[in-house]
Amino acid sequence: MSLGSIFDIAGSGMTAQSLRLNTTASNIANAETASSSTDTTYRARKPVFSAVQQSLLNPDQQGPLGARTEEGAGAGVRVDGIIESDAELQMRYEPQHPAANEDGYVFYPNVNVVEEMADMMSSSRSFQMNVDIMNTAKSMMQRILTLGQQ
């Protein structure tokens, strides 16, 4: 694996975790958004990721004697989309609430703030690990460049 592909892998991980952080922040921001119907109530969103295989990034990469190298090795992350949670919405009886329906119920999103905070910490740490990988690869490249000067 080349240092350039390490940058690609870490970069795709940073992009994915950044999206995950933004989605989590959106969920937390809308956790207490009230609505009078289930159709207009905010629903928790989660990004869907998949692994990109090395052979897809470098289809012509071959090892000695024409053998394929790193068959099945991971080469990054692809964001496949963002899905809405199908978990049940919270229905609360609050007849004085301005968004209450004719029966006095208000609908709140299916966002679990504790779970979202755990997701935020996890994605933040994953993002930082990818930054560390990029910094290490950068340091290695700089050392390689100085080898010829000695």
N, C-alpha and C. Protein backbone atom coordinates (compact mmCIF):
# COMPACT_ATOMS: atom_id res chain seq x y z
N MET A 1 0.85 -1.17 0.00
CA MET A 1 0.00 0.00 0.00
C MET A 1 0.90 1.23 0.00
N SER A 2 0.63 2.15 -0.88
CA SER A 2 1.44 3.36 -0.97
C SER A 2 0.97 4.41 0.03
N LEU A 3 1.85 5.38 0.29
CA LEU A 3 1.48 6.45 1.21
C LEU A 3 0.33 7.28 0.64
N GLY A 4 0.29 7.41 -0.67
CA GLY A 4 -0.81 8.15 -1.30
C GLY A 4 -2.16 7.49 -1.04
N SER A 5 -2.19 6.15 -1.09
CA SER A 5 -3.47 5.48 -0.83
C SER A 5 -3.84 5.57 0.64
N ILE A 6 -2.84 5.71 1.52
CA ILE A 6 -3.14 5.90 2.94
C ILE A 6 -3.88 7.23 3.11
N PHE A 7 -3.44 8.27 2.37
CA PHE A 7 -4.13 9.56 2.43
C PHE A 7 -5.57 9.42 1.93
N ASP A 8 -5.76 8.63 0.87
CA ASP A 8 -7.11 8.42 0.33
C ASP A 8 -8.01 7.73 1.35
N ILE A 9 -7.47 6.70 1.99
CA ILE A 9 -8.24 5.94 2.97
C ILE A 9 -8.61 6.83 4.15
N ALA A 10 -7.60 7.52 4.71
CA ALA A 10 -7.86 8.38 5.86
C ALA A 10 -8.79 9.52 5.48
N GLY A 11 -8.64 10.05 4.28
CA GLY A 11 -9.51 11.14 3.82
C GLY A 11 -10.96 10.69 3.70
N SER A 12 -11.16 9.49 3.18
CA SER A 12 -12.54 9.01 3.06
C SER A 12 -13.14 8.75 4.44
N GLY A 13 -12.30 8.29 5.37
CA GLY A 13 -12.77 8.09 6.74
C GLY A 13 -13.14 9.41 7.40
N MET A 14 -12.33 10.44 7.15
CA MET A 14 -12.63 11.76 7.72
C MET A 14 -13.92 12.32 7.15
N THR A 15 -14.13 12.14 5.86
CA THR A 15 -15.36 12.61 5.22
C THR A 15 -16.57 11.90 5.80
N ALA A 16 -16.46 10.59 5.96
CA ALA A 16 -17.57 9.80 6.51
C ALA A 16 -17.88 10.21 7.95
N GLN A 17 -16.84 10.37 8.76
CA GLN A 17 -17.07 10.73 10.16
C GLN A 17 -17.57 12.17 10.29
N SER A 18 -17.17 13.03 9.40
CA SER A 18 -17.68 14.40 9.41
C SER A 18 -19.18 14.40 9.12
N LEU A 19 -19.60 13.60 8.16
CA LEU A 19 -21.03 13.47 7.85
C LEU A 19 -21.77 12.89 9.05
N ARG A 20 -21.16 11.90 9.68
CA ARG A 20 -21.79 11.28 10.86
C ARG A 20 -21.94 12.31 11.99
N LEU A 21 -20.91 13.14 12.19
CA LEU A 21 -20.99 14.19 13.21
C LEU A 21 -22.10 15.19 12.89
N ASN A 22 -22.20 15.60 11.64
CA ASN A 22 -23.24 16.55 11.24
C ASN A 22 -24.64 15.96 11.40
N THR A 23 -24.79 14.70 11.05
CA THR A 23 -26.09 14.03 11.19
C THR A 23 -26.47 13.93 12.66
N THR A 24 -25.51 13.57 13.49
CA THR A 24 -25.76 13.46 14.93
C THR A 24 -26.13 14.81 15.51
N ALA A 25 -25.41 15.85 15.11
CA ALA A 25 -25.73 17.20 15.59
C ALA A 25 -27.14 17.62 15.18
N SER A 26 -27.53 17.27 13.97
CA SER A 26 -28.89 17.58 13.51
C SER A 26 -29.93 16.84 14.35
N ASN A 27 -29.64 15.58 14.66
CA ASN A 27 -30.57 14.80 15.49
C ASN A 27 -30.72 15.43 16.87
N ILE A 28 -29.60 15.82 17.48
CA ILE A 28 -29.65 16.42 18.82
C ILE A 28 -30.38 17.77 18.77
N ALA A 29 -30.12 18.55 17.74
CA ALA A 29 -30.77 19.86 17.62
C ALA A 29 -32.28 19.74 17.47
N ASN A 30 -32.75 18.66 16.88
CA ASN A 30 -34.18 18.48 16.65
C ASN A 30 -34.85 17.54 17.65
N ALA A 31 -34.15 17.15 18.70
CA ALA A 31 -34.66 16.15 19.65
C ALA A 31 -35.94 16.58 20.34
N GLU A 32 -36.14 17.87 20.55
CA GLU A 32 -37.33 18.35 21.25
C GLU A 32 -38.25 19.18 20.35
N THR A 33 -38.17 18.93 19.05
CA THR A 33 -39.03 19.63 18.11
C THR A 33 -40.41 18.98 18.11
N ALA A 34 -41.41 19.74 18.48
CA ALA A 34 -42.77 19.21 18.59
C ALA A 34 -43.52 19.37 17.28
N SER A 35 -44.48 18.46 17.08
CA SER A 35 -45.31 18.51 15.88
C SER A 35 -46.70 17.98 16.22
N SER A 36 -47.67 18.36 15.43
CA SER A 36 -49.04 17.91 15.69
C SER A 36 -49.41 16.64 14.95
N SER A 37 -48.53 16.17 14.05
CA SER A 37 -48.84 14.93 13.33
C SER A 37 -47.57 14.10 13.14
N THR A 38 -47.76 12.83 12.89
CA THR A 38 -46.61 11.94 12.68
C THR A 38 -45.93 12.21 11.35
N ASP A 39 -46.67 12.75 10.38
CA ASP A 39 -46.10 13.00 9.06
C ASP A 39 -45.08 14.14 9.06
N THR A 40 -45.28 15.12 9.93
CA THR A 40 -44.40 16.29 9.94
C THR A 40 -43.34 16.24 11.04
N THR A 41 -43.33 15.18 11.84
CA THR A 41 -42.38 15.07 12.94
C THR A 41 -41.01 14.67 12.41
N TYR A 42 -39.99 15.33 12.94
CA TYR A 42 -38.61 15.00 12.58
C TYR A 42 -38.32 13.57 13.01
N ARG A 43 -37.61 12.85 12.18
CA ARG A 43 -37.19 11.47 12.50
C ARG A 43 -35.67 11.42 12.51
N ALA A 44 -35.14 10.67 13.47
CA ALA A 44 -33.69 10.53 13.60
C ALA A 44 -33.10 10.02 12.29
N ARG A 45 -31.95 10.54 11.94
CA ARG A 45 -31.27 10.15 10.71
C ARG A 45 -29.92 9.51 11.03
N LYS A 46 -29.57 8.52 10.24
CA LYS A 46 -28.30 7.82 10.40
C LYS A 46 -27.65 7.64 9.03
N PRO A 47 -26.34 7.92 8.94
CA PRO A 47 -25.66 7.67 7.67
C PRO A 47 -25.38 6.18 7.50
N VAL A 48 -25.34 5.75 6.27
CA VAL A 48 -25.02 4.35 5.94
C VAL A 48 -23.70 4.35 5.18
N PHE A 49 -22.74 3.58 5.69
CA PHE A 49 -21.41 3.50 5.08
C PHE A 49 -21.18 2.11 4.54
N SER A 50 -20.26 2.02 3.58
CA SER A 50 -19.80 0.72 3.12
C SER A 50 -18.30 0.83 2.83
N ALA A 51 -17.63 -0.30 2.91
CA ALA A 51 -16.19 -0.32 2.66
C ALA A 51 -15.94 -0.32 1.16
N VAL A 52 -14.94 0.44 0.76
CA VAL A 52 -14.50 0.44 -0.63
C VAL A 52 -13.31 -0.50 -0.69
N GLN A 53 -13.35 -1.46 -1.59
CA GLN A 53 -12.27 -2.43 -1.69
C GLN A 53 -11.11 -1.87 -2.47
N GLN A 54 -9.90 -2.25 -2.08
CA GLN A 54 -8.68 -1.77 -2.74
C GLN A 54 -8.72 -2.05 -4.24
N SER A 55 -9.23 -3.20 -4.61
CA SER A 55 -9.26 -3.57 -6.03
C SER A 55 -10.15 -2.64 -6.85
N LEU A 56 -11.13 -1.98 -6.20
CA LEU A 56 -11.97 -1.03 -6.92
C LEU A 56 -11.26 0.29 -7.15
N LEU A 57 -10.39 0.69 -6.19
CA LEU A 57 -9.65 1.94 -6.36
C LEU A 57 -8.53 1.80 -7.38
N ASN A 58 -7.85 0.66 -7.35
CA ASN A 58 -6.70 0.42 -8.24
C ASN A 58 -6.89 -0.90 -8.98
N PRO A 59 -7.77 -0.93 -9.97
CA PRO A 59 -8.06 -2.20 -10.64
C PRO A 59 -6.87 -2.80 -11.38
N ASP A 60 -5.89 -1.98 -11.75
CA ASP A 60 -4.73 -2.48 -12.50
C ASP A 60 -3.56 -2.85 -11.61
N GLN A 61 -3.71 -2.71 -10.29
CA GLN A 61 -2.61 -3.00 -9.37
C GLN A 61 -2.39 -4.51 -9.29
N GLN A 62 -1.17 -4.93 -9.63
CA GLN A 62 -0.83 -6.35 -9.59
C GLN A 62 0.50 -6.52 -8.89
N GLY A 63 0.65 -7.66 -8.29
CA GLY A 63 1.89 -7.98 -7.61
C GLY A 63 2.83 -8.74 -8.51
N PRO A 64 3.84 -9.42 -7.93
CA PRO A 64 4.78 -10.19 -8.72
C PRO A 64 4.08 -11.30 -9.51
N LEU A 65 4.57 -11.56 -10.68
CA LEU A 65 4.05 -12.61 -11.56
C LEU A 65 2.58 -12.38 -11.94
N GLY A 66 2.16 -11.12 -11.91
CA GLY A 66 0.81 -10.79 -12.35
C GLY A 66 -0.27 -11.10 -11.34
N ALA A 67 0.10 -11.52 -10.14
CA ALA A 67 -0.91 -11.85 -9.12
C ALA A 67 -1.53 -10.57 -8.57
N ARG A 68 -2.80 -10.63 -8.31
CA ARG A 68 -3.48 -9.47 -7.72
C ARG A 68 -3.00 -9.29 -6.29
N THR A 69 -2.83 -8.04 -5.88
CA THR A 69 -2.38 -7.78 -4.52
C THR A 69 -3.52 -7.23 -3.68
N GLU A 70 -3.45 -7.46 -2.41
CA GLU A 70 -4.39 -6.93 -1.44
C GLU A 70 -5.83 -7.25 -1.82
N GLU A 71 -6.06 -8.45 -2.28
CA GLU A 71 -7.39 -8.86 -2.67
C GLU A 71 -8.33 -8.74 -1.47
N GLY A 72 -9.37 -7.96 -1.60
CA GLY A 72 -10.33 -7.80 -0.53
C GLY A 72 -9.89 -6.84 0.56
N ALA A 73 -8.72 -6.24 0.44
CA ALA A 73 -8.27 -5.31 1.47
C ALA A 73 -9.09 -4.03 1.40
N GLY A 74 -9.41 -3.49 2.56
CA GLY A 74 -10.19 -2.26 2.60
C GLY A 74 -9.39 -1.08 2.10
N ALA A 75 -10.05 -0.16 1.46
CA ALA A 75 -9.35 1.00 0.92
C ALA A 75 -10.12 2.28 1.18
N GLY A 76 -10.98 2.26 2.14
CA GLY A 76 -11.70 3.48 2.45
C GLY A 76 -13.16 3.23 2.74
N VAL A 77 -13.87 4.32 2.86
CA VAL A 77 -15.28 4.28 3.22
C VAL A 77 -16.07 5.09 2.20
N ARG A 78 -17.22 4.56 1.83
CA ARG A 78 -18.11 5.27 0.92
C ARG A 78 -19.42 5.53 1.67
N VAL A 79 -19.96 6.71 1.51
CA VAL A 79 -21.25 7.05 2.10
C VAL A 79 -22.33 6.62 1.12
N ASP A 80 -23.14 5.66 1.51
CA ASP A 80 -24.20 5.17 0.63
C ASP A 80 -25.47 5.99 0.73
N GLY A 81 -25.63 6.70 1.81
CA GLY A 81 -26.82 7.53 1.97
C GLY A 81 -27.13 7.78 3.42
N ILE A 82 -28.23 8.45 3.64
CA ILE A 82 -28.71 8.73 4.99
C ILE A 82 -30.13 8.21 5.08
N ILE A 83 -30.38 7.40 6.10
CA ILE A 83 -31.72 6.83 6.27
C ILE A 83 -32.39 7.43 7.49
N GLU A 84 -33.71 7.47 7.46
CA GLU A 84 -34.48 7.92 8.61
C GLU A 84 -34.86 6.71 9.45
N SER A 85 -34.80 6.89 10.75
CA SER A 85 -35.15 5.82 11.68
C SER A 85 -36.63 5.51 11.57
N ASP A 86 -36.97 4.23 11.67
CA ASP A 86 -38.37 3.85 11.66
C ASP A 86 -38.87 3.52 13.07
N ALA A 87 -38.08 3.90 14.09
CA ALA A 87 -38.49 3.70 15.47
C ALA A 87 -39.73 4.54 15.76
N GLU A 88 -40.49 4.11 16.73
CA GLU A 88 -41.73 4.80 17.07
C GLU A 88 -41.47 6.21 17.60
N LEU A 89 -42.31 7.14 17.18
CA LEU A 89 -42.20 8.52 17.66
C LEU A 89 -42.74 8.60 19.09
N GLN A 90 -42.32 9.64 19.80
CA GLN A 90 -42.82 9.86 21.16
C GLN A 90 -44.11 10.68 21.08
N MET A 91 -45.15 10.15 21.69
CA MET A 91 -46.43 10.85 21.71
C MET A 91 -46.70 11.25 23.16
N ARG A 92 -46.88 12.56 23.39
CA ARG A 92 -47.11 13.05 24.75
C ARG A 92 -48.43 13.83 24.80
N TYR A 93 -49.13 13.63 25.91
CA TYR A 93 -50.38 14.36 26.11
C TYR A 93 -50.05 15.72 26.71
N GLU A 94 -50.17 16.77 25.89
CA GLU A 94 -49.89 18.15 26.30
C GLU A 94 -50.94 19.06 25.65
N PRO A 95 -52.15 19.06 26.18
CA PRO A 95 -53.23 19.81 25.51
C PRO A 95 -53.00 21.32 25.42
N GLN A 96 -52.16 21.90 26.30
CA GLN A 96 -51.90 23.34 26.25
C GLN A 96 -50.80 23.71 25.25
N HIS A 97 -50.12 22.73 24.72
CA HIS A 97 -49.01 23.00 23.78
C HIS A 97 -49.59 23.55 22.46
N PRO A 98 -48.95 24.58 21.90
CA PRO A 98 -49.48 25.15 20.64
C PRO A 98 -49.51 24.17 19.48
N ALA A 99 -48.66 23.14 19.51
CA ALA A 99 -48.62 22.17 18.41
C ALA A 99 -49.49 20.94 18.69
N ALA A 100 -50.27 20.97 19.74
CA ALA A 100 -51.11 19.80 20.09
C ALA A 100 -52.18 19.59 19.02
N ASN A 101 -52.45 18.31 18.74
CA ASN A 101 -53.51 18.00 17.78
C ASN A 101 -54.87 18.12 18.48
N GLU A 102 -55.94 17.78 17.79
CA GLU A 102 -57.28 17.94 18.35
C GLU A 102 -57.53 17.06 19.59
N ASP A 103 -56.73 15.98 19.75
CA ASP A 103 -56.85 15.12 20.92
C ASP A 103 -55.94 15.54 22.06
N GLY A 104 -55.14 16.60 21.86
CA GLY A 104 -54.25 17.09 22.90
C GLY A 104 -52.87 16.46 22.90
N TYR A 105 -52.55 15.69 21.87
CA TYR A 105 -51.25 15.02 21.82
C TYR A 105 -50.25 15.79 20.95
N VAL A 106 -49.02 15.72 21.36
CA VAL A 106 -47.92 16.33 20.63
C VAL A 106 -46.94 15.21 20.30
N PHE A 107 -46.41 15.23 19.10
CA PHE A 107 -45.46 14.20 18.67
C PHE A 107 -44.04 14.77 18.71
N TYR A 108 -43.14 13.98 19.28
CA TYR A 108 -41.73 14.36 19.38
C TYR A 108 -40.89 13.34 18.62
N PRO A 109 -39.73 13.75 18.15
CA PRO A 109 -38.87 12.85 17.36
C PRO A 109 -38.43 11.61 18.14
N ASN A 110 -38.04 10.62 17.38
CA ASN A 110 -37.55 9.37 17.95
C ASN A 110 -36.03 9.43 18.16
N VAL A 111 -35.57 10.53 18.74
CA VAL A 111 -34.14 10.76 18.96
C VAL A 111 -33.83 10.44 20.41
N ASN A 112 -32.85 9.55 20.61
CA ASN A 112 -32.36 9.24 21.94
C ASN A 112 -31.07 10.05 22.13
N VAL A 113 -31.14 11.10 22.94
CA VAL A 113 -30.02 12.03 23.07
C VAL A 113 -28.78 11.34 23.65
N VAL A 114 -28.96 10.40 24.56
CA VAL A 114 -27.82 9.69 25.15
C VAL A 114 -27.11 8.87 24.07
N GLU A 115 -27.88 8.19 23.24
CA GLU A 115 -27.31 7.41 22.13
C GLU A 115 -26.61 8.32 21.13
N GLU A 116 -27.20 9.47 20.87
CA GLU A 116 -26.60 10.42 19.93
C GLU A 116 -25.27 10.97 20.47
N MET A 117 -25.21 11.22 21.77
CA MET A 117 -23.96 11.70 22.36
C MET A 117 -22.88 10.63 22.27
N ALA A 118 -23.24 9.37 22.47
CA ALA A 118 -22.27 8.28 22.32
C ALA A 118 -21.79 8.20 20.87
N ASP A 119 -22.71 8.35 19.92
CA ASP A 119 -22.33 8.37 18.50
C ASP A 119 -21.40 9.54 18.20
N MET A 120 -21.68 10.69 18.80
CA MET A 120 -20.86 11.86 18.56
C MET A 120 -19.43 11.65 19.09
N MET A 121 -19.31 11.06 20.27
CA MET A 121 -17.98 10.79 20.82
C MET A 121 -17.23 9.77 19.97
N SER A 122 -17.94 8.75 19.52
CA SER A 122 -17.32 7.72 18.68
C SER A 122 -16.85 8.29 17.35
N SER A 123 -17.69 9.07 16.70
CA SER A 123 -17.30 9.63 15.40
C SER A 123 -16.19 10.67 15.55
N SER A 124 -16.21 11.41 16.64
CA SER A 124 -15.15 12.38 16.89
C SER A 124 -13.80 11.68 17.08
N ARG A 125 -13.80 10.58 17.81
CA ARG A 125 -12.56 9.83 18.01
C ARG A 125 -12.09 9.16 16.71
N SER A 126 -13.03 8.66 15.93
CA SER A 126 -12.66 8.06 14.65
C SER A 126 -12.07 9.11 13.71
N PHE A 127 -12.66 10.29 13.71
CA PHE A 127 -12.14 11.37 12.89
C PHE A 127 -10.71 11.70 13.32
N GLN A 128 -10.48 11.81 14.64
CA GLN A 128 -9.15 12.13 15.15
C GLN A 128 -8.14 11.04 14.80
N MET A 129 -8.55 9.78 14.82
CA MET A 129 -7.63 8.69 14.43
C MET A 129 -7.23 8.83 12.96
N ASN A 130 -8.16 9.21 12.11
CA ASN A 130 -7.83 9.41 10.70
C ASN A 130 -6.89 10.59 10.51
N VAL A 131 -7.07 11.63 11.31
CA VAL A 131 -6.14 12.77 11.27
C VAL A 131 -4.75 12.31 11.68
N ASP A 132 -4.67 11.50 12.73
CA ASP A 132 -3.38 10.98 13.19
C ASP A 132 -2.71 10.12 12.12
N ILE A 133 -3.49 9.32 11.42
CA ILE A 133 -2.94 8.49 10.34
C ILE A 133 -2.37 9.38 9.24
N MET A 134 -3.10 10.43 8.88
CA MET A 134 -2.60 11.34 7.85
C MET A 134 -1.32 12.04 8.30
N ASN A 135 -1.26 12.46 9.56
CA ASN A 135 -0.06 13.11 10.07
C ASN A 135 1.13 12.15 10.09
N THR A 136 0.89 10.90 10.44
CA THR A 136 1.96 9.90 10.43
C THR A 136 2.47 9.66 9.02
N ALA A 137 1.55 9.53 8.07
CA ALA A 137 1.95 9.32 6.67
C ALA A 137 2.72 10.54 6.15
N LYS A 138 2.29 11.72 6.52
CA LYS A 138 2.99 12.94 6.11
C LYS A 138 4.41 12.96 6.69
N SER A 139 4.54 12.58 7.95
CA SER A 139 5.86 12.52 8.59
C SER A 139 6.76 11.50 7.89
N MET A 140 6.19 10.36 7.52
CA MET A 140 6.96 9.33 6.82
C MET A 140 7.43 9.85 5.46
N MET A 141 6.57 10.56 4.76
CA MET A 141 6.95 11.11 3.45
C MET A 141 8.07 12.13 3.60
N GLN A 142 8.00 12.96 4.63
CA GLN A 142 9.04 13.95 4.86
C GLN A 142 10.36 13.27 5.20
N ARG A 143 10.34 12.19 5.94
CA ARG A 143 11.58 11.47 6.28
C ARG A 143 12.18 10.80 5.03
N ILE A 144 11.31 10.29 4.18
CA ILE A 144 11.80 9.68 2.94
C ILE A 144 12.51 10.72 2.08
N LEU A 145 11.95 11.92 2.01
CA LEU A 145 12.55 12.98 1.23
C LEU A 145 13.90 13.42 1.77
N THR A 146 14.11 13.31 3.08
CA THR A 146 15.39 13.73 3.68
C THR A 146 16.44 12.63 3.63
N LEU A 147 16.07 11.41 3.27
CA LEU A 147 17.05 10.31 3.20
C LEU A 147 18.16 10.59 2.17
N GLY A 148 17.79 11.17 1.06
CA GLY A 148 18.76 11.44 0.01
C GLY A 148 19.69 12.61 0.33
N GLN A 149 19.37 13.40 1.31
CA GLN A 149 20.17 14.57 1.65
C GLN A 149 21.32 14.23 2.58
N GLN A 150 21.31 13.08 3.18
CA GLN A 150 22.35 12.74 4.17
C GLN A 150 23.56 12.12 3.54
